[in-house]
Amino acid sequence: MVMALLTAAGAVSLAPGRPDLGGLLLLLLGTGLIVGAANTFNMVLERDIDCMMARTKNRPLPQRRMPVATAFGFGAVLAVASLPVLAAVHPLTAVIGLIALISYVLLYTPLKQHTHWATWIGAVPGALPVLMGWSAATGTIDAAGLAVFAVLFFWQIPHFHAIALYRTQEYKRAGLKTLPGERGERATRWQIGVFLVVQVAASLTLPVVGVTGTPYLVVAAVLGAFVLGQGLASVRHGGARWARGVFLASLVYLPVLFVAMVLDGRL
């Protein structure tokens, strides 16, 4: 939730046109509502899986503290409420939000039980808050907006593969398909390494396409060196501890990067 709001706000600050304060608040409210709806529907669909995972077993549905119908109704209310709020900002923003909701709930969530490629599919709705913010500010989707989208999209690949690597057995028990579970640790380590490089490269394209300036470039370069140093140092032999380090580094990387975008956009 916090990441979605931060990236949507970051995109607004970078875009050529900006909504007024009221428009920004509506964007954040609508984004929060639709992300809440997606997460609620996800928990409804995965309530049996959540019982088998340490991270999720204490949620209300696995613990039977809430009826399934109540949770579904809550998600539906959030979803229905989000669309007019987002449409009040811009109709395209509402359309993108609806696409994010549908693709997350009806594609990514069920596909996790069938293929490790679900990670890539889930990265699309995961990055769409950027385009929601961009469209709210500009009324369109252009190459510059897609460049910002690419930063968040490619960040998710090593981030989620790293989680899967240090939680491989837990995901297997829950019946979820992951890259390490399907293709092994070595293939996962190398894919993490490759997409850490791609992630950093994507972040450095923003000044090239005129989205950000020199202050952001300096921060992006330092952050890039940090995550590459963490990730590539042991990519050939790293295990669960290394993967957890990559994951923690990614949690530092993205918020700081988007804060740098926001501040750069205000300079």
C-alpha atoms as a PDB file:
ATOM      1  CA  MET A   1       0.000   0.000   0.000  1.00  0.00           C
ATOM      2  CA  VAL A   2       2.651   2.524   1.052  1.00  0.00           C
ATOM      3  CA  MET A   3       4.788   1.652  -1.973  1.00  0.00           C
ATOM      4  CA  ALA A   4       1.843   2.133  -4.341  1.00  0.00           C
ATOM      5  CA  LEU A   5       1.056   5.550  -2.879  1.00  0.00           C
ATOM      6  CA  LEU A   6       4.698   6.614  -2.937  1.00  0.00           C
ATOM      7  CA  THR A   7       5.212   5.585  -6.563  1.00  0.00           C
ATOM      8  CA  ALA A   8       1.960   7.206  -7.700  1.00  0.00           C
ATOM      9  CA  ALA A   9       2.946  10.446  -5.964  1.00  0.00           C
ATOM     10  CA  GLY A  10       6.447  10.183  -7.403  1.00  0.00           C
ATOM     11  CA  ALA A  11       5.063   9.882 -10.924  1.00  0.00           C
ATOM     12  CA  VAL A  12       2.864  12.949 -10.403  1.00  0.00           C
ATOM     13  CA  SER A  13       5.829  15.011  -9.266  1.00  0.00           C
ATOM     14  CA  LEU A  14       7.820  14.049 -12.368  1.00  0.00           C
ATOM     15  CA  ALA A  15       5.104  14.579 -14.960  1.00  0.00           C
ATOM     16  CA  PRO A  16       5.010  17.781 -17.051  1.00  0.00           C
ATOM     17  CA  GLY A  17       1.551  18.752 -15.777  1.00  0.00           C
ATOM     18  CA  ARG A  18       0.423  18.357 -12.192  1.00  0.00           C
ATOM     19  CA  PRO A  19      -3.037  18.140 -10.630  1.00  0.00           C
ATOM     20  CA  ASP A  20      -3.897  20.609  -7.895  1.00  0.00           C
ATOM     21  CA  LEU A  21      -3.756  19.551  -4.261  1.00  0.00           C
ATOM     22  CA  GLY A  22      -7.340  18.313  -4.390  1.00  0.00           C
ATOM     23  CA  GLY A  23      -6.566  16.186  -7.443  1.00  0.00           C
ATOM     24  CA  LEU A  24      -3.476  14.735  -5.777  1.00  0.00           C
ATOM     25  CA  LEU A  25      -5.435  13.823  -2.657  1.00  0.00           C
ATOM     26  CA  LEU A  26      -8.145  12.174  -4.775  1.00  0.00           C
ATOM     27  CA  LEU A  27      -5.461  10.216  -6.639  1.00  0.00           C
ATOM     28  CA  LEU A  28      -3.943   8.958  -3.396  1.00  0.00           C
ATOM     29  CA  LEU A  29      -7.362   8.119  -1.945  1.00  0.00           C
ATOM     30  CA  GLY A  30      -8.444   6.259  -5.089  1.00  0.00           C
ATOM     31  CA  THR A  31      -5.134   4.425  -5.321  1.00  0.00           C
ATOM     32  CA  GLY A  32      -5.372   3.394  -1.675  1.00  0.00           C
ATOM     33  CA  LEU A  33      -8.926   2.139  -2.182  1.00  0.00           C
ATOM     34  CA  ILE A  34      -8.135   0.083  -5.264  1.00  0.00           C
ATOM     35  CA  VAL A  35      -4.960  -1.403  -3.752  1.00  0.00           C
ATOM     36  CA  GLY A  36      -6.963  -2.268  -0.653  1.00  0.00           C
ATOM     37  CA  ALA A  37      -9.583  -3.962  -2.836  1.00  0.00           C
ATOM     38  CA  ALA A  38      -6.940  -5.980  -4.704  1.00  0.00           C
ATOM     39  CA  ASN A  39      -5.289  -7.105  -1.476  1.00  0.00           C
ATOM     40  CA  THR A  40      -8.645  -8.044   0.053  1.00  0.00           C
ATOM     41  CA  PHE A  41      -9.702 -10.139  -2.949  1.00  0.00           C
ATOM     42  CA  ASN A  42      -6.262 -11.756  -2.941  1.00  0.00           C
ATOM     43  CA  MET A  43      -6.700 -12.780   0.697  1.00  0.00           C
ATOM     44  CA  VAL A  44     -10.151 -14.193  -0.070  1.00  0.00           C
ATOM     45  CA  LEU A  45      -8.811 -16.302  -2.937  1.00  0.00           C
ATOM     46  CA  GLU A  46      -5.691 -17.445  -1.066  1.00  0.00           C
ATOM     47  CA  ARG A  47      -7.184 -18.018   2.386  1.00  0.00           C
ATOM     48  CA  ASP A  48      -6.337 -21.749   2.300  1.00  0.00           C
ATOM     49  CA  ILE A  49      -2.798 -21.066   1.069  1.00  0.00           C
ATOM     50  CA  ASP A  50      -2.304 -18.402   3.736  1.00  0.00           C
ATOM     51  CA  CYS A  51      -2.911 -21.055   6.413  1.00  0.00           C
ATOM     52  CA  MET A  52       0.306 -22.790   5.349  1.00  0.00           C
ATOM     53  CA  MET A  53       2.630 -19.782   5.400  1.00  0.00           C
ATOM     54  CA  ALA A  54       4.189 -18.232   8.499  1.00  0.00           C
ATOM     55  CA  ARG A  55       3.884 -14.703   7.109  1.00  0.00           C
ATOM     56  CA  THR A  56       0.145 -14.953   6.449  1.00  0.00           C
ATOM     57  CA  LYS A  57      -1.286 -17.629   8.730  1.00  0.00           C
ATOM     58  CA  ASN A  58      -2.436 -15.102  11.346  1.00  0.00           C
ATOM     59  CA  ARG A  59      -4.564 -13.069   8.944  1.00  0.00           C
ATOM     60  CA  PRO A  60      -8.296 -12.851   9.789  1.00  0.00           C
ATOM     61  CA  LEU A  61      -9.480 -15.309   7.123  1.00  0.00           C
ATOM     62  CA  PRO A  62      -7.035 -18.166   7.892  1.00  0.00           C
ATOM     63  CA  GLN A  63      -7.811 -17.678  11.586  1.00  0.00           C
ATOM     64  CA  ARG A  64     -11.562 -17.631  10.817  1.00  0.00           C
ATOM     65  CA  ARG A  65     -11.985 -14.326  12.615  1.00  0.00           C
ATOM     66  CA  MET A  66     -13.922 -12.961   9.648  1.00  0.00           C
ATOM     67  CA  PRO A  67     -16.491 -14.632   7.352  1.00  0.00           C
ATOM     68  CA  VAL A  68     -15.398 -14.970   3.720  1.00  0.00           C
ATOM     69  CA  ALA A  69     -18.549 -13.181   2.536  1.00  0.00           C
ATOM     70  CA  THR A  70     -17.753 -10.203   4.762  1.00  0.00           C
ATOM     71  CA  ALA A  71     -14.219  -9.948   3.395  1.00  0.00           C
ATOM     72  CA  PHE A  72     -15.453 -10.229  -0.187  1.00  0.00           C
ATOM     73  CA  GLY A  73     -18.089  -7.566   0.434  1.00  0.00           C
ATOM     74  CA  PHE A  74     -15.489  -5.259   1.956  1.00  0.00           C
ATOM     75  CA  GLY A  75     -13.267  -5.701  -1.093  1.00  0.00           C
ATOM     76  CA  ALA A  76     -16.198  -5.020  -3.411  1.00  0.00           C
ATOM     77  CA  VAL A  77     -17.055  -1.807  -1.563  1.00  0.00           C
ATOM     78  CA  LEU A  78     -13.448  -0.620  -1.831  1.00  0.00           C
ATOM     79  CA  ALA A  79     -13.314  -1.458  -5.546  1.00  0.00           C
ATOM     80  CA  VAL A  80     -16.609   0.260  -6.374  1.00  0.00           C
ATOM     81  CA  ALA A  81     -15.678   3.317  -4.313  1.00  0.00           C
ATOM     82  CA  SER A  82     -12.252   3.649  -5.937  1.00  0.00           C
ATOM     83  CA  LEU A  83     -13.407   4.043  -9.536  1.00  0.00           C
ATOM     84  CA  PRO A  84     -15.425   7.286  -9.298  1.00  0.00           C
ATOM     85  CA  VAL A  85     -12.706   8.780  -7.114  1.00  0.00           C
ATOM     86  CA  LEU A  86     -10.045   7.975  -9.718  1.00  0.00           C
ATOM     87  CA  ALA A  87     -12.336   9.033 -12.579  1.00  0.00           C
ATOM     88  CA  ALA A  88     -12.737  12.419 -10.904  1.00  0.00           C
ATOM     89  CA  VAL A  89      -8.979  12.849 -11.317  1.00  0.00           C
ATOM     90  CA  HIS A  90      -8.968  11.599 -14.927  1.00  0.00           C
ATOM     91  CA  PRO A  91     -10.939   8.838 -16.718  1.00  0.00           C
ATOM     92  CA  LEU A  92      -7.703   7.228 -17.943  1.00  0.00           C
ATOM     93  CA  THR A  93      -6.497   6.961 -14.354  1.00  0.00           C
ATOM     94  CA  ALA A  94      -9.638   5.010 -13.444  1.00  0.00           C
ATOM     95  CA  VAL A  95      -9.181   2.701 -16.453  1.00  0.00           C
ATOM     96  CA  ILE A  96      -5.577   1.960 -15.471  1.00  0.00           C
ATOM     97  CA  GLY A  97      -6.670   1.324 -11.893  1.00  0.00           C
ATOM     98  CA  LEU A  98      -9.336  -1.111 -13.070  1.00  0.00           C
ATOM     99  CA  ILE A  99      -6.802  -2.937 -15.259  1.00  0.00           C
ATOM    100  CA  ALA A 100      -4.463  -3.192 -12.263  1.00  0.00           C
ATOM    101  CA  LEU A 101      -7.236  -4.612 -10.085  1.00  0.00           C
ATOM    102  CA  ILE A 102      -8.429  -7.177 -12.630  1.00  0.00           C
ATOM    103  CA  SER A 103      -4.954  -8.339 -13.656  1.00  0.00           C
ATOM    104  CA  TYR A 104      -3.828  -8.706 -10.034  1.00  0.00           C
ATOM    105  CA  VAL A 105      -6.897 -10.595  -8.836  1.00  0.00           C
ATOM    106  CA  LEU A 106      -7.872 -12.655 -11.888  1.00  0.00           C
ATOM    107  CA  LEU A 107      -4.461 -13.292 -13.488  1.00  0.00           C
ATOM    108  CA  TYR A 108      -1.595 -12.988 -11.021  1.00  0.00           C
ATOM    109  CA  THR A 109      -3.299 -14.493  -7.968  1.00  0.00           C
ATOM    110  CA  PRO A 110      -4.498 -17.777  -9.565  1.00  0.00           C
ATOM    111  CA  LEU A 111      -1.429 -18.163 -11.789  1.00  0.00           C
ATOM    112  CA  LYS A 112       0.890 -18.284  -8.771  1.00  0.00           C
ATOM    113  CA  GLN A 113      -0.274 -21.864  -8.266  1.00  0.00           C
ATOM    114  CA  HIS A 114       0.577 -22.860 -11.845  1.00  0.00           C
ATOM    115  CA  THR A 115       3.713 -21.087 -13.091  1.00  0.00           C
ATOM    116  CA  HIS A 116       6.695 -19.115 -11.828  1.00  0.00           C
ATOM    117  CA  TRP A 117       6.025 -16.661 -14.673  1.00  0.00           C
ATOM    118  CA  ALA A 118       3.274 -15.267 -12.467  1.00  0.00           C
ATOM    119  CA  THR A 119       5.992 -13.070 -10.946  1.00  0.00           C
ATOM    120  CA  TRP A 120       6.324 -11.260 -14.267  1.00  0.00           C
ATOM    121  CA  ILE A 121       2.575 -10.997 -14.716  1.00  0.00           C
ATOM    122  CA  GLY A 122       2.169  -9.616 -11.203  1.00  0.00           C
ATOM    123  CA  ALA A 123       4.862  -7.019 -11.858  1.00  0.00           C
ATOM    124  CA  VAL A 124       2.503  -5.296 -14.315  1.00  0.00           C
ATOM    125  CA  PRO A 125      -0.257  -4.368 -11.834  1.00  0.00           C
ATOM    126  CA  GLY A 126       2.474  -3.832  -9.267  1.00  0.00           C
ATOM    127  CA  ALA A 127       3.925  -1.044 -11.411  1.00  0.00           C
ATOM    128  CA  LEU A 128       0.661   0.444 -12.698  1.00  0.00           C
ATOM    129  CA  PRO A 129       0.336   2.976  -9.830  1.00  0.00           C
ATOM    130  CA  VAL A 130       3.121   4.840 -11.646  1.00  0.00           C
ATOM    131  CA  LEU A 131       0.957   5.164 -14.756  1.00  0.00           C
ATOM    132  CA  MET A 132      -2.020   6.090 -12.606  1.00  0.00           C
ATOM    133  CA  GLY A 133      -0.009   8.993 -11.236  1.00  0.00           C
ATOM    134  CA  TRP A 134       1.367   9.921 -14.644  1.00  0.00           C
ATOM    135  CA  SER A 135      -2.059   9.888 -16.309  1.00  0.00           C
ATOM    136  CA  ALA A 136      -3.511  11.919 -13.441  1.00  0.00           C
ATOM    137  CA  ALA A 137      -0.962  14.636 -14.184  1.00  0.00           C
ATOM    138  CA  THR A 138      -0.853  14.486 -17.990  1.00  0.00           C
ATOM    139  CA  GLY A 139      -4.041  12.764 -19.135  1.00  0.00           C
ATOM    140  CA  THR A 140      -2.000  10.368 -21.243  1.00  0.00           C
ATOM    141  CA  ILE A 141       0.630   7.630 -21.266  1.00  0.00           C
ATOM    142  CA  ASP A 142       3.821   8.531 -23.107  1.00  0.00           C
ATOM    143  CA  ALA A 143       7.409   7.318 -23.405  1.00  0.00           C
ATOM    144  CA  ALA A 144       8.528   9.261 -20.341  1.00  0.00           C
ATOM    145  CA  GLY A 145       5.775   7.733 -18.218  1.00  0.00           C
ATOM    146  CA  LEU A 146       6.658   4.269 -19.478  1.00  0.00           C
ATOM    147  CA  ALA A 147      10.296   4.893 -18.513  1.00  0.00           C
ATOM    148  CA  VAL A 148       9.223   5.521 -14.911  1.00  0.00           C
ATOM    149  CA  PHE A 149       6.935   2.464 -15.112  1.00  0.00           C
ATOM    150  CA  ALA A 150       9.939   0.364 -16.206  1.00  0.00           C
ATOM    151  CA  VAL A 151      11.873   1.316 -13.069  1.00  0.00           C
ATOM    152  CA  LEU A 152       9.188  -0.112 -10.799  1.00  0.00           C
ATOM    153  CA  PHE A 153       8.478  -3.083 -13.071  1.00  0.00           C
ATOM    154  CA  PHE A 154      12.082  -4.287 -13.173  1.00  0.00           C
ATOM    155  CA  TRP A 155      12.636  -3.595  -9.465  1.00  0.00           C
ATOM    156  CA  GLN A 156      10.027  -6.237  -8.654  1.00  0.00           C
ATOM    157  CA  ILE A 157      11.772  -9.113 -10.464  1.00  0.00           C
ATOM    158  CA  PRO A 158      14.907  -9.460  -8.261  1.00  0.00           C
ATOM    159  CA  HIS A 159      12.892  -8.343  -5.225  1.00  0.00           C
ATOM    160  CA  PHE A 160      10.359 -11.172  -5.462  1.00  0.00           C
ATOM    161  CA  HIS A 161      12.841 -13.778  -6.701  1.00  0.00           C
ATOM    162  CA  ALA A 162      14.969 -13.011  -3.630  1.00  0.00           C
ATOM    163  CA  ILE A 163      11.975 -13.589  -1.342  1.00  0.00           C
ATOM    164  CA  ALA A 164      11.219 -16.851  -3.134  1.00  0.00           C
ATOM    165  CA  LEU A 165      14.839 -17.968  -2.762  1.00  0.00           C
ATOM    166  CA  TYR A 166      14.989 -17.674   1.012  1.00  0.00           C
ATOM    167  CA  ARG A 167      11.414 -18.967   1.423  1.00  0.00           C
ATOM    168  CA  THR A 168      11.580 -21.749  -1.179  1.00  0.00           C
ATOM    169  CA  GLN A 169      10.394 -24.582   1.046  1.00  0.00           C
ATOM    170  CA  GLU A 170       7.559 -22.540   2.513  1.00  0.00           C
ATOM    171  CA  TYR A 171       6.267 -21.654  -0.959  1.00  0.00           C
ATOM    172  CA  LYS A 172       6.540 -25.293  -2.033  1.00  0.00           C
ATOM    173  CA  ARG A 173       4.475 -26.457   0.936  1.00  0.00           C
ATOM    174  CA  ALA A 174       1.828 -23.888   0.072  1.00  0.00           C
ATOM    175  CA  GLY A 175       1.702 -25.064  -3.541  1.00  0.00           C
ATOM    176  CA  LEU A 176       2.979 -21.815  -5.037  1.00  0.00           C
ATOM    177  CA  LYS A 177       5.245 -21.932  -8.083  1.00  0.00           C
ATOM    178  CA  THR A 178       8.464 -19.936  -7.869  1.00  0.00           C
ATOM    179  CA  LEU A 179      11.600 -19.708  -9.968  1.00  0.00           C
ATOM    180  CA  PRO A 180      13.825 -21.441  -7.361  1.00  0.00           C
ATOM    181  CA  GLY A 181      11.184 -24.097  -6.830  1.00  0.00           C
ATOM    182  CA  GLU A 182      10.858 -24.799 -10.553  1.00  0.00           C
ATOM    183  CA  ARG A 183      14.333 -24.157 -11.957  1.00  0.00           C
ATOM    184  CA  GLY A 184      16.590 -24.232  -8.937  1.00  0.00           C
ATOM    185  CA  GLU A 185      18.740 -21.909  -6.886  1.00  0.00           C
ATOM    186  CA  ARG A 186      21.452 -21.316  -9.490  1.00  0.00           C
ATOM    187  CA  ALA A 187      19.038 -20.111 -12.185  1.00  0.00           C
ATOM    188  CA  THR A 188      17.368 -17.854  -9.638  1.00  0.00           C
ATOM    189  CA  ARG A 189      20.651 -16.314  -8.487  1.00  0.00           C
ATOM    190  CA  TRP A 190      21.639 -15.478 -12.041  1.00  0.00           C
ATOM    191  CA  GLN A 191      18.233 -14.031 -12.891  1.00  0.00           C
ATOM    192  CA  ILE A 192      18.424 -11.881  -9.763  1.00  0.00           C
ATOM    193  CA  GLY A 193      21.865 -10.654 -10.839  1.00  0.00           C
ATOM    194  CA  VAL A 194      20.791  -9.885 -14.409  1.00  0.00           C
ATOM    195  CA  PHE A 195      17.695  -7.972 -13.389  1.00  0.00           C
ATOM    196  CA  LEU A 196      19.476  -6.020 -10.697  1.00  0.00           C
ATOM    197  CA  VAL A 197      21.584  -4.646 -13.543  1.00  0.00           C
ATOM    198  CA  VAL A 198      18.475  -4.028 -15.677  1.00  0.00           C
ATOM    199  CA  GLN A 199      16.753  -2.338 -12.732  1.00  0.00           C
ATOM    200  CA  VAL A 200      19.653   0.051 -12.180  1.00  0.00           C
ATOM    201  CA  ALA A 201      19.962   0.729 -15.924  1.00  0.00           C
ATOM    202  CA  ALA A 202      16.251   1.569 -16.085  1.00  0.00           C
ATOM    203  CA  SER A 203      16.636   4.031 -13.212  1.00  0.00           C
ATOM    204  CA  LEU A 204      19.498   5.782 -15.011  1.00  0.00           C
ATOM    205  CA  THR A 205      17.460   6.329 -18.193  1.00  0.00           C
ATOM    206  CA  LEU A 206      15.177   8.888 -16.557  1.00  0.00           C
ATOM    207  CA  PRO A 207      17.578  11.832 -16.948  1.00  0.00           C
ATOM    208  CA  VAL A 208      18.216  10.736 -20.550  1.00  0.00           C
ATOM    209  CA  VAL A 209      14.516  11.027 -21.463  1.00  0.00           C
ATOM    210  CA  GLY A 210      14.231  14.327 -19.619  1.00  0.00           C
ATOM    211  CA  VAL A 211      12.175  13.111 -16.674  1.00  0.00           C
ATOM    212  CA  THR A 212      14.694  13.957 -13.944  1.00  0.00           C
ATOM    213  CA  GLY A 213      17.815  16.026 -13.510  1.00  0.00           C
ATOM    214  CA  THR A 214      21.295  15.800 -12.063  1.00  0.00           C
ATOM    215  CA  PRO A 215      20.360  15.552  -8.346  1.00  0.00           C
ATOM    216  CA  TYR A 216      18.273  12.454  -9.035  1.00  0.00           C
ATOM    217  CA  LEU A 217      21.017  10.995 -11.242  1.00  0.00           C
ATOM    218  CA  VAL A 218      23.547  11.250  -8.411  1.00  0.00           C
ATOM    219  CA  VAL A 219      21.199   9.517  -5.961  1.00  0.00           C
ATOM    220  CA  ALA A 220      20.256   6.837  -8.513  1.00  0.00           C
ATOM    221  CA  ALA A 221      23.916   6.118  -9.252  1.00  0.00           C
ATOM    222  CA  VAL A 222      24.805   5.776  -5.553  1.00  0.00           C
ATOM    223  CA  LEU A 223      21.784   3.559  -4.889  1.00  0.00           C
ATOM    224  CA  GLY A 224      22.597   1.496  -7.959  1.00  0.00           C
ATOM    225  CA  ALA A 225      26.143   0.916  -6.743  1.00  0.00           C
ATOM    226  CA  PHE A 226      24.728  -0.101  -3.357  1.00  0.00           C
ATOM    227  CA  VAL A 227      22.300  -2.736  -4.661  1.00  0.00           C
ATOM    228  CA  LEU A 228      24.733  -4.065  -7.261  1.00  0.00           C
ATOM    229  CA  GLY A 229      27.421  -4.377  -4.622  1.00  0.00           C
ATOM    230  CA  GLN A 230      25.006  -6.257  -2.386  1.00  0.00           C
ATOM    231  CA  GLY A 231      23.619  -8.435  -5.145  1.00  0.00           C
ATOM    232  CA  LEU A 232      26.517  -9.253  -7.445  1.00  0.00           C
ATOM    233  CA  ALA A 233      29.194  -9.893  -4.827  1.00  0.00           C
ATOM    234  CA  SER A 234      27.928 -13.407  -4.106  1.00  0.00           C
ATOM    235  CA  VAL A 235      25.664 -14.079  -7.082  1.00  0.00           C
ATOM    236  CA  ARG A 236      27.594 -17.250  -7.981  1.00  0.00           C
ATOM    237  CA  HIS A 237      27.428 -18.861  -4.557  1.00  0.00           C
ATOM    238  CA  GLY A 238      24.851 -16.931  -2.521  1.00  0.00           C
ATOM    239  CA  GLY A 239      22.194 -18.804  -0.578  1.00  0.00           C
ATOM    240  CA  ALA A 240      19.272 -17.863   1.634  1.00  0.00           C
ATOM    241  CA  ARG A 241      21.282 -15.314   3.628  1.00  0.00           C
ATOM    242  CA  TRP A 242      22.457 -13.596   0.442  1.00  0.00           C
ATOM    243  CA  ALA A 243      18.900 -13.567  -0.941  1.00  0.00           C
ATOM    244  CA  ARG A 244      17.606 -11.975   2.240  1.00  0.00           C
ATOM    245  CA  GLY A 245      20.294  -9.305   1.933  1.00  0.00           C
ATOM    246  CA  VAL A 246      19.183  -8.573  -1.644  1.00  0.00           C
ATOM    247  CA  PHE A 247      15.585  -8.333  -0.450  1.00  0.00           C
ATOM    248  CA  LEU A 248      16.453  -5.921   2.367  1.00  0.00           C
ATOM    249  CA  ALA A 249      18.581  -3.812   0.014  1.00  0.00           C
ATOM    250  CA  SER A 250      15.632  -3.562  -2.369  1.00  0.00           C
ATOM    251  CA  LEU A 251      13.455  -2.240   0.461  1.00  0.00           C
ATOM    252  CA  VAL A 252      15.925   0.586   0.958  1.00  0.00           C
ATOM    253  CA  TYR A 253      16.495   1.196  -2.743  1.00  0.00           C
ATOM    254  CA  LEU A 254      13.002   1.876  -4.072  1.00  0.00           C
ATOM    255  CA  PRO A 255      11.621   4.300  -1.454  1.00  0.00           C
ATOM    256  CA  VAL A 256      14.815   6.358  -1.467  1.00  0.00           C
ATOM    257  CA  LEU A 257      14.837   6.381  -5.279  1.00  0.00           C
ATOM    258  CA  PHE A 258      11.255   7.637  -5.507  1.00  0.00           C
ATOM    259  CA  VAL A 259      11.801  10.216  -2.782  1.00  0.00           C
ATOM    260  CA  ALA A 260      14.745  11.440  -4.880  1.00  0.00           C
ATOM    261  CA  MET A 261      12.406  11.621  -7.891  1.00  0.00           C
ATOM    262  CA  VAL A 262       9.877  13.665  -5.919  1.00  0.00           C
ATOM    263  CA  LEU A 263      12.502  16.067  -4.576  1.00  0.00           C
ATOM    264  CA  ASP A 264      14.167  16.384  -7.981  1.00  0.00           C
ATOM    265  CA  GLY A 265      10.804  17.195  -9.531  1.00  0.00           C
ATOM    266  CA  ARG A 266      10.352  20.023  -7.048  1.00  0.00           C
ATOM    267  CA  LEU A 267      13.750  21.627  -7.673  1.00  0.00           C
END
